[in-house]
């Protein structure tokens, strides 16, 4: 029995090796890009020390967590097939689902922040403070830790040779819960917030106060639009897996393994491209690194060095 399981695992390891290696490669790129964004925000001038960029860093941390956990799951799948514990598999599934929800709900936190700034800032100014957003981030991570608990409370996840520790399709109720809790809820909530803010701004009367705040309103809508774009890019990574649930076509399952981390890497590139301040900060760092000393100054420096050598 154990020999049969091991041989099956080895065969599946060969099938998964290229797919998981490719996915891990995209995951590594995502981690590097996420760390770059966090470092730029931390060490840049005060113009990047804003609530919006604080939440962007929170999303980057969630993305890094996701890529690291997925890579660990690939290591267990390919290199540690002898670990067949169902309990360990459930915990790997828990952390995998937790990291997915951490990323998706981090975008919801950003949308809620835009709601605070654009709608409730005048009446409740404390909602726009860093302290309020630290509380919002804390709530985000508490929710993220609670949502995947069915993965360890139930026995729906168990060790299957040659398979990642996900909920099997036969547990339809649990599979439906994962789709709704980890994807549908944050996506629909962000869309509702976006529509609410948009309609609220459109209904604003053309008063003197409204005219003065037109720039801020456009900025809020622009940021919200970017949040929706980035979330949609992230969600696209789960489309092959979603199609697999309905078709049971193995190629879709294998494609989903790669698209998950690939879209995270694309999302990080788009984060830099869509964020004007972040893009400018990165551009200035690159330019300063490759700044060429003027020709006259270099000649003067060479002359001074020659004089020093002669004196010695």
C-alpha atoms as a PDB file:
ATOM      1  CA  UNK A   1       0.000   0.000   0.000  1.00  0.00           C
ATOM      2  CA  UNK A   2       2.717   2.501   1.003  1.00  0.00           C
ATOM      3  CA  UNK A   3       4.776   1.464  -2.032  1.00  0.00           C
ATOM      4  CA  UNK A   4       1.832   2.170  -4.326  1.00  0.00           C
ATOM      5  CA  UNK A   5       1.281   5.607  -2.787  1.00  0.00           C
ATOM      6  CA  UNK A   6       4.962   6.470  -3.065  1.00  0.00           C
ATOM      7  CA  UNK A   7       5.192   5.438  -6.732  1.00  0.00           C
ATOM      8  CA  UNK A   8       2.090   7.479  -7.515  1.00  0.00           C
ATOM      9  CA  UNK A   9       3.579  10.465  -5.741  1.00  0.00           C
ATOM     10  CA  UNK A  10       6.842  10.195  -7.658  1.00  0.00           C
ATOM     11  CA  UNK A  11       4.944  10.088 -10.946  1.00  0.00           C
ATOM     12  CA  UNK A  12       2.936  13.161  -9.990  1.00  0.00           C
ATOM     13  CA  UNK A  13       6.114  14.878  -8.796  1.00  0.00           C
ATOM     14  CA  UNK A  14       7.504  14.571 -12.320  1.00  0.00           C
ATOM     15  CA  UNK A  15       4.293  16.025 -13.716  1.00  0.00           C
ATOM     16  CA  UNK A  16       4.237  18.929 -11.244  1.00  0.00           C
ATOM     17  CA  UNK A  17       7.956  19.703 -11.206  1.00  0.00           C
ATOM     18  CA  UNK A  18       8.018  22.150 -14.147  1.00  0.00           C
ATOM     19  CA  UNK A  19       4.646  23.713 -13.248  1.00  0.00           C
ATOM     20  CA  UNK A  20       5.552  24.295  -9.603  1.00  0.00           C
ATOM     21  CA  UNK A  21       9.045  25.536 -10.478  1.00  0.00           C
ATOM     22  CA  UNK A  22       7.560  28.065 -12.914  1.00  0.00           C
ATOM     23  CA  UNK A  23       5.014  29.187 -10.324  1.00  0.00           C
ATOM     24  CA  UNK A  24       7.720  29.492  -7.657  1.00  0.00           C
ATOM     25  CA  UNK A  25       9.779  31.603 -10.076  1.00  0.00           C
ATOM     26  CA  UNK A  26       6.914  34.047 -10.551  1.00  0.00           C
ATOM     27  CA  UNK A  27       6.441  33.969  -6.779  1.00  0.00           C
ATOM     28  CA  UNK A  28      10.061  34.994  -6.269  1.00  0.00           C
ATOM     29  CA  UNK A  29       9.611  37.898  -8.697  1.00  0.00           C
ATOM     30  CA  UNK A  30       6.483  38.947  -6.801  1.00  0.00           C
ATOM     31  CA  UNK A  31       8.344  38.868  -3.478  1.00  0.00           C
ATOM     32  CA  UNK A  32      11.183  41.002  -4.867  1.00  0.00           C
ATOM     33  CA  UNK A  33       8.750  43.562  -6.328  1.00  0.00           C
ATOM     34  CA  UNK A  34       6.722  43.666  -3.101  1.00  0.00           C
ATOM     35  CA  UNK A  35       9.855  44.186  -0.997  1.00  0.00           C
ATOM     36  CA  UNK A  36      10.979  46.918  -3.397  1.00  0.00           C
ATOM     37  CA  UNK A  37       7.696  48.786  -2.950  1.00  0.00           C
ATOM     38  CA  UNK A  38       7.855  48.498   0.849  1.00  0.00           C
ATOM     39  CA  UNK A  39      11.488  49.673   0.971  1.00  0.00           C
ATOM     40  CA  UNK A  40      10.799  52.632  -1.336  1.00  0.00           C
ATOM     41  CA  UNK A  41       7.833  53.752   0.763  1.00  0.00           C
ATOM     42  CA  UNK A  42       9.787  53.341   4.004  1.00  0.00           C
ATOM     43  CA  UNK A  43      12.909  55.209   2.906  1.00  0.00           C
ATOM     44  CA  UNK A  44      11.377  57.737   0.506  1.00  0.00           C
ATOM     45  CA  UNK A  45      10.541  61.321   1.349  1.00  0.00           C
ATOM     46  CA  UNK A  46       7.501  62.219   3.400  1.00  0.00           C
ATOM     47  CA  UNK A  47       5.278  62.447   0.322  1.00  0.00           C
ATOM     48  CA  UNK A  48       5.069  58.638   0.356  1.00  0.00           C
ATOM     49  CA  UNK A  49       4.403  58.472   4.095  1.00  0.00           C
ATOM     50  CA  UNK A  50       0.644  58.514   3.585  1.00  0.00           C
ATOM     51  CA  UNK A  51      -2.258  56.324   4.632  1.00  0.00           C
ATOM     52  CA  UNK A  52      -2.719  55.179   1.039  1.00  0.00           C
ATOM     53  CA  UNK A  53       0.852  53.938   0.785  1.00  0.00           C
ATOM     54  CA  UNK A  54       0.599  52.341   4.228  1.00  0.00           C
ATOM     55  CA  UNK A  55      -2.266  50.211   2.900  1.00  0.00           C
ATOM     56  CA  UNK A  56      -0.307  49.501  -0.290  1.00  0.00           C
ATOM     57  CA  UNK A  57       2.505  48.106   1.878  1.00  0.00           C
ATOM     58  CA  UNK A  58      -0.054  46.024   3.754  1.00  0.00           C
ATOM     59  CA  UNK A  59      -1.139  44.490   0.435  1.00  0.00           C
ATOM     60  CA  UNK A  60       2.512  43.856  -0.473  1.00  0.00           C
ATOM     61  CA  UNK A  61       3.058  42.007   2.807  1.00  0.00           C
ATOM     62  CA  UNK A  62      -0.041  39.894   2.117  1.00  0.00           C
ATOM     63  CA  UNK A  63       1.259  39.114  -1.389  1.00  0.00           C
ATOM     64  CA  UNK A  64       4.675  38.089  -0.046  1.00  0.00           C
ATOM     65  CA  UNK A  65       2.982  35.835   2.503  1.00  0.00           C
ATOM     66  CA  UNK A  66       0.913  34.241  -0.252  1.00  0.00           C
ATOM     67  CA  UNK A  67       3.919  33.526  -2.494  1.00  0.00           C
ATOM     68  CA  UNK A  68       6.012  32.151   0.384  1.00  0.00           C
ATOM     69  CA  UNK A  69       3.252  29.805   1.578  1.00  0.00           C
ATOM     70  CA  UNK A  70       2.535  28.549  -1.936  1.00  0.00           C
ATOM     71  CA  UNK A  71       6.235  27.847  -2.481  1.00  0.00           C
ATOM     72  CA  UNK A  72       6.366  25.903   0.794  1.00  0.00           C
ATOM     73  CA  UNK A  73       3.372  23.852  -0.372  1.00  0.00           C
ATOM     74  CA  UNK A  74       5.204  23.071  -3.620  1.00  0.00           C
ATOM     75  CA  UNK A  75       8.222  21.883  -1.618  1.00  0.00           C
ATOM     76  CA  UNK A  76       6.015  19.497   0.367  1.00  0.00           C
ATOM     77  CA  UNK A  77       4.367  18.266  -2.831  1.00  0.00           C
ATOM     78  CA  UNK A  78       7.577  17.543  -4.759  1.00  0.00           C
ATOM     79  CA  UNK A  79      10.365  16.985  -2.243  1.00  0.00           C
ATOM     80  CA  UNK A  80       8.568  15.752   0.891  1.00  0.00           C
ATOM     81  CA  UNK A  81       5.974  13.232  -0.342  1.00  0.00           C
ATOM     82  CA  UNK A  82       6.671  10.982   2.646  1.00  0.00           C
ATOM     83  CA  UNK A  83       4.886  13.415   5.006  1.00  0.00           C
ATOM     84  CA  UNK A  84       1.363  11.985   4.724  1.00  0.00           C
ATOM     85  CA  UNK A  85      -0.236  13.409   7.874  1.00  0.00           C
ATOM     86  CA  UNK A  86      -3.813  14.603   7.321  1.00  0.00           C
ATOM     87  CA  UNK A  87      -3.488  17.118  10.162  1.00  0.00           C
ATOM     88  CA  UNK A  88      -0.369  18.666   8.620  1.00  0.00           C
ATOM     89  CA  UNK A  89      -2.123  18.807   5.257  1.00  0.00           C
ATOM     90  CA  UNK A  90      -5.091  20.628   6.812  1.00  0.00           C
ATOM     91  CA  UNK A  91      -2.798  23.239   8.307  1.00  0.00           C
ATOM     92  CA  UNK A  92      -1.044  23.723   4.971  1.00  0.00           C
ATOM     93  CA  UNK A  93      -4.461  24.203   3.416  1.00  0.00           C
ATOM     94  CA  UNK A  94      -5.416  26.652   6.163  1.00  0.00           C
ATOM     95  CA  UNK A  95      -2.351  28.835   5.597  1.00  0.00           C
ATOM     96  CA  UNK A  96      -2.812  28.655   1.824  1.00  0.00           C
ATOM     97  CA  UNK A  97      -6.418  29.881   2.052  1.00  0.00           C
ATOM     98  CA  UNK A  98      -5.444  32.422   4.696  1.00  0.00           C
ATOM     99  CA  UNK A  99      -2.813  33.934   2.414  1.00  0.00           C
ATOM    100  CA  UNK A 100      -5.305  34.137  -0.477  1.00  0.00           C
ATOM    101  CA  UNK A 101      -7.890  35.938   1.650  1.00  0.00           C
ATOM    102  CA  UNK A 102      -5.174  38.195   3.111  1.00  0.00           C
ATOM    103  CA  UNK A 103      -4.435  39.531  -0.363  1.00  0.00           C
ATOM    104  CA  UNK A 104      -8.043  39.912  -1.540  1.00  0.00           C
ATOM    105  CA  UNK A 105      -9.272  41.522   1.684  1.00  0.00           C
ATOM    106  CA  UNK A 106      -6.322  43.930   1.705  1.00  0.00           C
ATOM    107  CA  UNK A 107      -7.876  45.534  -1.386  1.00  0.00           C
ATOM    108  CA  UNK A 108     -11.173  45.778   0.473  1.00  0.00           C
ATOM    109  CA  UNK A 109      -9.349  47.621   3.260  1.00  0.00           C
ATOM    110  CA  UNK A 110      -8.023  50.075   0.678  1.00  0.00           C
ATOM    111  CA  UNK A 111     -11.541  50.623  -0.688  1.00  0.00           C
ATOM    112  CA  UNK A 112     -12.924  51.223   2.821  1.00  0.00           C
ATOM    113  CA  UNK A 113     -10.152  53.764   3.370  1.00  0.00           C
ATOM    114  CA  UNK A 114     -11.199  55.625   0.205  1.00  0.00           C
ATOM    115  CA  UNK A 115     -14.773  55.601   1.571  1.00  0.00           C
ATOM    116  CA  UNK A 116     -13.520  57.239   4.761  1.00  0.00           C
ATOM    117  CA  UNK A 117     -11.618  59.933   2.883  1.00  0.00           C
ATOM    118  CA  UNK A 118     -14.211  60.789   0.264  1.00  0.00           C
ATOM    119  CA  UNK A 119     -17.487  60.498   2.203  1.00  0.00           C
ATOM    120  CA  UNK A 120     -16.908  60.572   5.972  1.00  0.00           C
ATOM    121  CA  UNK A 121     -13.792  62.750   6.294  1.00  0.00           C
ATOM    122  CA  UNK A 122     -15.666  66.010   7.005  1.00  0.00           C
ATOM    123  CA  UNK A 123     -18.016  64.555   9.595  1.00  0.00           C
ATOM    124  CA  UNK A 124     -15.591  62.076  11.183  1.00  0.00           C
ATOM    125  CA  UNK A 125     -12.048  63.375  10.533  1.00  0.00           C
ATOM    126  CA  UNK A 126     -10.541  60.819  12.932  1.00  0.00           C
ATOM    127  CA  UNK A 127     -11.351  58.084  10.382  1.00  0.00           C
ATOM    128  CA  UNK A 128      -8.600  59.433   8.115  1.00  0.00           C
ATOM    129  CA  UNK A 129      -5.846  59.274  10.745  1.00  0.00           C
ATOM    130  CA  UNK A 130      -3.024  56.735  10.823  1.00  0.00           C
ATOM    131  CA  UNK A 131      -4.320  55.421  14.149  1.00  0.00           C
ATOM    132  CA  UNK A 132      -7.697  54.560  12.632  1.00  0.00           C
ATOM    133  CA  UNK A 133      -6.010  52.766   9.744  1.00  0.00           C
ATOM    134  CA  UNK A 134      -3.741  50.785  12.043  1.00  0.00           C
ATOM    135  CA  UNK A 135      -6.927  49.527  13.693  1.00  0.00           C
ATOM    136  CA  UNK A 136      -8.342  48.776  10.222  1.00  0.00           C
ATOM    137  CA  UNK A 137      -5.236  46.750   9.330  1.00  0.00           C
ATOM    138  CA  UNK A 138      -5.457  44.862  12.649  1.00  0.00           C
ATOM    139  CA  UNK A 139      -9.107  44.005  11.918  1.00  0.00           C
ATOM    140  CA  UNK A 140      -8.085  42.879   8.436  1.00  0.00           C
ATOM    141  CA  UNK A 141      -5.605  40.339   9.771  1.00  0.00           C
ATOM    142  CA  UNK A 142      -7.972  39.102  12.483  1.00  0.00           C
ATOM    143  CA  UNK A 143     -10.673  38.473   9.871  1.00  0.00           C
ATOM    144  CA  UNK A 144      -8.151  36.768   7.595  1.00  0.00           C
ATOM    145  CA  UNK A 145      -7.145  34.397  10.414  1.00  0.00           C
ATOM    146  CA  UNK A 146     -10.778  33.522  11.171  1.00  0.00           C
ATOM    147  CA  UNK A 147     -12.195  33.018   7.660  1.00  0.00           C
ATOM    148  CA  UNK A 148     -10.187  29.865   6.724  1.00  0.00           C
ATOM    149  CA  UNK A 149     -10.903  28.073  10.030  1.00  0.00           C
ATOM    150  CA  UNK A 150     -13.207  25.487   8.330  1.00  0.00           C
ATOM    151  CA  UNK A 151     -10.025  24.107   6.747  1.00  0.00           C
ATOM    152  CA  UNK A 152      -8.807  22.831  10.133  1.00  0.00           C
ATOM    153  CA  UNK A 153     -12.125  22.452  11.972  1.00  0.00           C
ATOM    154  CA  UNK A 154     -13.525  20.028   9.399  1.00  0.00           C
ATOM    155  CA  UNK A 155     -11.855  16.956   7.922  1.00  0.00           C
ATOM    156  CA  UNK A 156     -12.602  17.950   4.327  1.00  0.00           C
ATOM    157  CA  UNK A 157      -8.902  18.468   3.618  1.00  0.00           C
ATOM    158  CA  UNK A 158      -6.775  15.352   3.857  1.00  0.00           C
ATOM    159  CA  UNK A 159      -3.553  14.073   2.365  1.00  0.00           C
ATOM    160  CA  UNK A 160      -3.881  12.967  -1.251  1.00  0.00           C
ATOM    161  CA  UNK A 161      -0.728  11.654  -2.997  1.00  0.00           C
ATOM    162  CA  UNK A 162       0.432  14.015  -5.722  1.00  0.00           C
ATOM    163  CA  UNK A 163      -2.092  16.753  -4.858  1.00  0.00           C
ATOM    164  CA  UNK A 164      -1.891  20.104  -3.111  1.00  0.00           C
ATOM    165  CA  UNK A 165      -3.754  20.475   0.177  1.00  0.00           C
ATOM    166  CA  UNK A 166      -6.942  22.073  -1.147  1.00  0.00           C
ATOM    167  CA  UNK A 167     -10.565  21.153  -0.483  1.00  0.00           C
ATOM    168  CA  UNK A 168     -11.534  18.307  -2.867  1.00  0.00           C
ATOM    169  CA  UNK A 169     -14.318  19.040  -5.349  1.00  0.00           C
ATOM    170  CA  UNK A 170     -16.579  16.408  -3.820  1.00  0.00           C
ATOM    171  CA  UNK A 171     -17.071  18.656  -0.772  1.00  0.00           C
ATOM    172  CA  UNK A 172     -19.266  21.092  -2.706  1.00  0.00           C
ATOM    173  CA  UNK A 173     -20.434  23.089   0.322  1.00  0.00           C
ATOM    174  CA  UNK A 174     -16.881  23.782   1.481  1.00  0.00           C
ATOM    175  CA  UNK A 175     -15.696  24.535  -2.067  1.00  0.00           C
ATOM    176  CA  UNK A 176     -18.574  27.001  -2.452  1.00  0.00           C
ATOM    177  CA  UNK A 177     -17.617  28.602   0.854  1.00  0.00           C
ATOM    178  CA  UNK A 178     -14.023  29.113  -0.292  1.00  0.00           C
ATOM    179  CA  UNK A 179     -15.160  30.769  -3.537  1.00  0.00           C
ATOM    180  CA  UNK A 180     -17.627  33.082  -1.785  1.00  0.00           C
ATOM    181  CA  UNK A 181     -15.555  33.920   1.301  1.00  0.00           C
ATOM    182  CA  UNK A 182     -12.186  34.414  -0.374  1.00  0.00           C
ATOM    183  CA  UNK A 183     -13.226  35.981  -3.689  1.00  0.00           C
ATOM    184  CA  UNK A 184     -16.883  36.954  -4.090  1.00  0.00           C
ATOM    185  CA  UNK A 185     -17.299  38.876  -0.821  1.00  0.00           C
ATOM    186  CA  UNK A 186     -14.286  41.219  -1.229  1.00  0.00           C
ATOM    187  CA  UNK A 187     -14.887  41.758  -4.964  1.00  0.00           C
ATOM    188  CA  UNK A 188     -18.593  42.556  -4.612  1.00  0.00           C
ATOM    189  CA  UNK A 189     -17.933  44.766  -1.570  1.00  0.00           C
ATOM    190  CA  UNK A 190     -15.311  46.805  -3.441  1.00  0.00           C
ATOM    191  CA  UNK A 191     -17.628  47.227  -6.437  1.00  0.00           C
ATOM    192  CA  UNK A 192     -20.445  48.397  -4.147  1.00  0.00           C
ATOM    193  CA  UNK A 193     -18.139  50.909  -2.455  1.00  0.00           C
ATOM    194  CA  UNK A 194     -16.916  52.163  -5.832  1.00  0.00           C
ATOM    195  CA  UNK A 195     -20.468  52.641  -7.147  1.00  0.00           C
ATOM    196  CA  UNK A 196     -21.562  54.319  -3.914  1.00  0.00           C
ATOM    197  CA  UNK A 197     -18.712  56.832  -3.952  1.00  0.00           C
ATOM    198  CA  UNK A 198     -19.175  57.502  -7.673  1.00  0.00           C
ATOM    199  CA  UNK A 199     -22.901  58.151  -7.335  1.00  0.00           C
ATOM    200  CA  UNK A 200     -22.365  60.254  -4.237  1.00  0.00           C
ATOM    201  CA  UNK A 201     -19.903  62.470  -6.079  1.00  0.00           C
ATOM    202  CA  UNK A 202     -22.150  62.722  -9.145  1.00  0.00           C
ATOM    203  CA  UNK A 203     -25.085  63.794  -7.004  1.00  0.00           C
ATOM    204  CA  UNK A 204     -23.105  66.501  -5.276  1.00  0.00           C
ATOM    205  CA  UNK A 205     -24.573  69.868  -6.097  1.00  0.00           C
ATOM    206  CA  UNK A 206     -22.442  72.383  -7.943  1.00  0.00           C
ATOM    207  CA  UNK A 207     -21.914  74.503  -4.862  1.00  0.00           C
ATOM    208  CA  UNK A 208     -18.782  76.490  -4.037  1.00  0.00           C
ATOM    209  CA  UNK A 209     -17.704  73.750  -1.639  1.00  0.00           C
ATOM    210  CA  UNK A 210     -18.245  71.088  -4.277  1.00  0.00           C
ATOM    211  CA  UNK A 211     -16.184  72.980  -6.816  1.00  0.00           C
ATOM    212  CA  UNK A 212     -13.334  73.323  -4.333  1.00  0.00           C
ATOM    213  CA  UNK A 213     -13.346  69.571  -3.710  1.00  0.00           C
ATOM    214  CA  UNK A 214     -13.547  68.500  -7.365  1.00  0.00           C
ATOM    215  CA  UNK A 215      -9.838  67.627  -7.454  1.00  0.00           C
ATOM    216  CA  UNK A 216     -10.113  65.471  -4.333  1.00  0.00           C
ATOM    217  CA  UNK A 217     -13.182  63.700  -5.736  1.00  0.00           C
ATOM    218  CA  UNK A 218     -11.369  62.896  -8.970  1.00  0.00           C
ATOM    219  CA  UNK A 219      -8.400  61.646  -6.973  1.00  0.00           C
ATOM    220  CA  UNK A 220     -10.607  59.363  -4.860  1.00  0.00           C
ATOM    221  CA  UNK A 221     -12.231  57.903  -7.970  1.00  0.00           C
ATOM    222  CA  UNK A 222      -8.840  57.426  -9.609  1.00  0.00           C
ATOM    223  CA  UNK A 223      -7.480  55.564  -6.579  1.00  0.00           C
ATOM    224  CA  UNK A 224     -10.623  53.418  -6.363  1.00  0.00           C
ATOM    225  CA  UNK A 225     -10.379  52.637 -10.061  1.00  0.00           C
ATOM    226  CA  UNK A 226      -6.786  51.502  -9.557  1.00  0.00           C
ATOM    227  CA  UNK A 227      -7.853  49.296  -6.634  1.00  0.00           C
ATOM    228  CA  UNK A 228     -10.493  47.617  -8.820  1.00  0.00           C
ATOM    229  CA  UNK A 229      -7.958  47.113 -11.639  1.00  0.00           C
ATOM    230  CA  UNK A 230      -5.355  45.560  -9.329  1.00  0.00           C
ATOM    231  CA  UNK A 231      -7.898  43.305  -7.644  1.00  0.00           C
ATOM    232  CA  UNK A 232      -9.250  42.138 -11.021  1.00  0.00           C
ATOM    233  CA  UNK A 233      -5.700  41.258 -12.121  1.00  0.00           C
ATOM    234  CA  UNK A 234      -5.259  39.244  -8.932  1.00  0.00           C
ATOM    235  CA  UNK A 235      -8.633  37.516  -9.325  1.00  0.00           C
ATOM    236  CA  UNK A 236      -7.854  36.514 -12.934  1.00  0.00           C
ATOM    237  CA  UNK A 237      -5.206  34.184 -11.509  1.00  0.00           C
ATOM    238  CA  UNK A 238      -7.948  32.066  -9.958  1.00  0.00           C
ATOM    239  CA  UNK A 239     -10.062  31.757 -13.131  1.00  0.00           C
ATOM    240  CA  UNK A 240      -8.421  28.516 -14.388  1.00  0.00           C
ATOM    241  CA  UNK A 241      -8.949  26.904 -10.983  1.00  0.00           C
ATOM    242  CA  UNK A 242     -12.579  28.080 -10.954  1.00  0.00           C
ATOM    243  CA  UNK A 243     -13.117  26.572 -14.406  1.00  0.00           C
ATOM    244  CA  UNK A 244     -11.484  23.367 -13.197  1.00  0.00           C
ATOM    245  CA  UNK A 245     -14.135  23.077 -10.468  1.00  0.00           C
ATOM    246  CA  UNK A 246     -16.833  22.958 -13.162  1.00  0.00           C
ATOM    247  CA  UNK A 247     -15.027  20.949 -15.845  1.00  0.00           C
ATOM    248  CA  UNK A 248     -12.554  18.760 -13.933  1.00  0.00           C
ATOM    249  CA  UNK A 249     -10.036  19.243 -16.774  1.00  0.00           C
ATOM    250  CA  UNK A 250      -6.549  18.628 -15.403  1.00  0.00           C
ATOM    251  CA  UNK A 251      -4.828  21.174 -17.646  1.00  0.00           C
ATOM    252  CA  UNK A 252      -6.914  23.937 -16.036  1.00  0.00           C
ATOM    253  CA  UNK A 253      -5.784  22.806 -12.591  1.00  0.00           C
ATOM    254  CA  UNK A 254      -2.130  22.892 -13.666  1.00  0.00           C
ATOM    255  CA  UNK A 255      -2.622  26.284 -15.329  1.00  0.00           C
ATOM    256  CA  UNK A 256      -4.142  27.628 -12.124  1.00  0.00           C
ATOM    257  CA  UNK A 257      -0.992  26.764 -10.197  1.00  0.00           C
ATOM    258  CA  UNK A 258       1.038  29.045 -12.483  1.00  0.00           C
ATOM    259  CA  UNK A 259      -1.489  31.845 -13.007  1.00  0.00           C
ATOM    260  CA  UNK A 260      -1.897  32.427  -9.263  1.00  0.00           C
ATOM    261  CA  UNK A 261       1.660  33.673  -8.736  1.00  0.00           C
ATOM    262  CA  UNK A 262       2.011  35.075 -12.286  1.00  0.00           C
ATOM    263  CA  UNK A 263      -0.876  37.491 -11.783  1.00  0.00           C
ATOM    264  CA  UNK A 264       0.553  38.561  -8.421  1.00  0.00           C
ATOM    265  CA  UNK A 265       3.778  39.557 -10.216  1.00  0.00           C
ATOM    266  CA  UNK A 266       1.786  41.428 -12.878  1.00  0.00           C
ATOM    267  CA  UNK A 267      -0.258  43.132 -10.172  1.00  0.00           C
ATOM    268  CA  UNK A 268       2.906  44.425  -8.469  1.00  0.00           C
ATOM    269  CA  UNK A 269       4.203  45.839 -11.759  1.00  0.00           C
ATOM    270  CA  UNK A 270       0.853  47.556 -12.300  1.00  0.00           C
ATOM    271  CA  UNK A 271       0.934  48.890  -8.729  1.00  0.00           C
ATOM    272  CA  UNK A 272       4.132  50.764  -9.543  1.00  0.00           C
ATOM    273  CA  UNK A 273       2.816  51.862 -12.960  1.00  0.00           C
ATOM    274  CA  UNK A 274      -0.514  53.189 -11.642  1.00  0.00           C
ATOM    275  CA  UNK A 275       0.838  54.940  -8.525  1.00  0.00           C
ATOM    276  CA  UNK A 276       2.286  58.235  -9.735  1.00  0.00           C
ATOM    277  CA  UNK A 277       4.215  59.080  -6.554  1.00  0.00           C
ATOM    278  CA  UNK A 278       5.635  55.580  -6.222  1.00  0.00           C
ATOM    279  CA  UNK A 279       6.620  55.521  -9.887  1.00  0.00           C
ATOM    280  CA  UNK A 280       8.372  58.877  -9.610  1.00  0.00           C
ATOM    281  CA  UNK A 281      10.250  57.776  -6.489  1.00  0.00           C
ATOM    282  CA  UNK A 282      11.451  54.598  -8.203  1.00  0.00           C
ATOM    283  CA  UNK A 283      12.456  56.553 -11.321  1.00  0.00           C
ATOM    284  CA  UNK A 284      14.470  59.047  -9.281  1.00  0.00           C
ATOM    285  CA  UNK A 285      16.276  56.209  -7.484  1.00  0.00           C
ATOM    286  CA  UNK A 286      17.173  54.569 -10.802  1.00  0.00           C
ATOM    287  CA  UNK A 287      18.359  57.860 -12.286  1.00  0.00           C
ATOM    288  CA  UNK A 288      20.469  58.696  -9.234  1.00  0.00           C
ATOM    289  CA  UNK A 289      22.114  55.267  -9.412  1.00  0.00           C
ATOM    290  CA  UNK A 290      23.141  55.795 -13.030  1.00  0.00           C
ATOM    291  CA  UNK A 291      23.920  59.494 -12.810  1.00  0.00           C
ATOM    292  CA  UNK A 292      27.093  60.272 -14.823  1.00  0.00           C
ATOM    293  CA  UNK A 293      29.631  62.740 -13.460  1.00  0.00           C
ATOM    294  CA  UNK A 294      30.141  65.778 -15.780  1.00  0.00           C
ATOM    295  CA  UNK A 295      33.245  65.549 -18.023  1.00  0.00           C
ATOM    296  CA  UNK A 296      34.878  68.715 -16.648  1.00  0.00           C
ATOM    297  CA  UNK A 297      34.418  67.569 -13.044  1.00  0.00           C
ATOM    298  CA  UNK A 298      35.947  64.198 -13.834  1.00  0.00           C
ATOM    299  CA  UNK A 299      39.004  65.892 -15.398  1.00  0.00           C
ATOM    300  CA  UNK A 300      39.412  68.099 -12.333  1.00  0.00           C
ATOM    301  CA  UNK A 301      39.158  65.079 -10.060  1.00  0.00           C
ATOM    302  CA  UNK A 302      41.828  63.272 -12.107  1.00  0.00           C
ATOM    303  CA  UNK A 303      44.180  66.290 -11.907  1.00  0.00           C
ATOM    304  CA  UNK A 304      43.772  66.503  -8.138  1.00  0.00           C
ATOM    305  CA  UNK A 305      44.538  62.801  -7.802  1.00  0.00           C
ATOM    306  CA  UNK A 306      47.701  63.193  -9.934  1.00  0.00           C
ATOM    307  CA  UNK A 307      48.877  66.102  -7.762  1.00  0.00           C
ATOM    308  CA  UNK A 308      48.367  64.017  -4.651  1.00  0.00           C
ATOM    309  CA  UNK A 309      50.383  61.147  -6.108  1.00  0.00           C
ATOM    310  CA  UNK A 310      53.280  63.511  -6.965  1.00  0.00           C
ATOM    311  CA  UNK A 311      53.327  64.981  -3.465  1.00  0.00           C
ATOM    312  CA  UNK A 312      53.509  61.516  -1.973  1.00  0.00           C
END
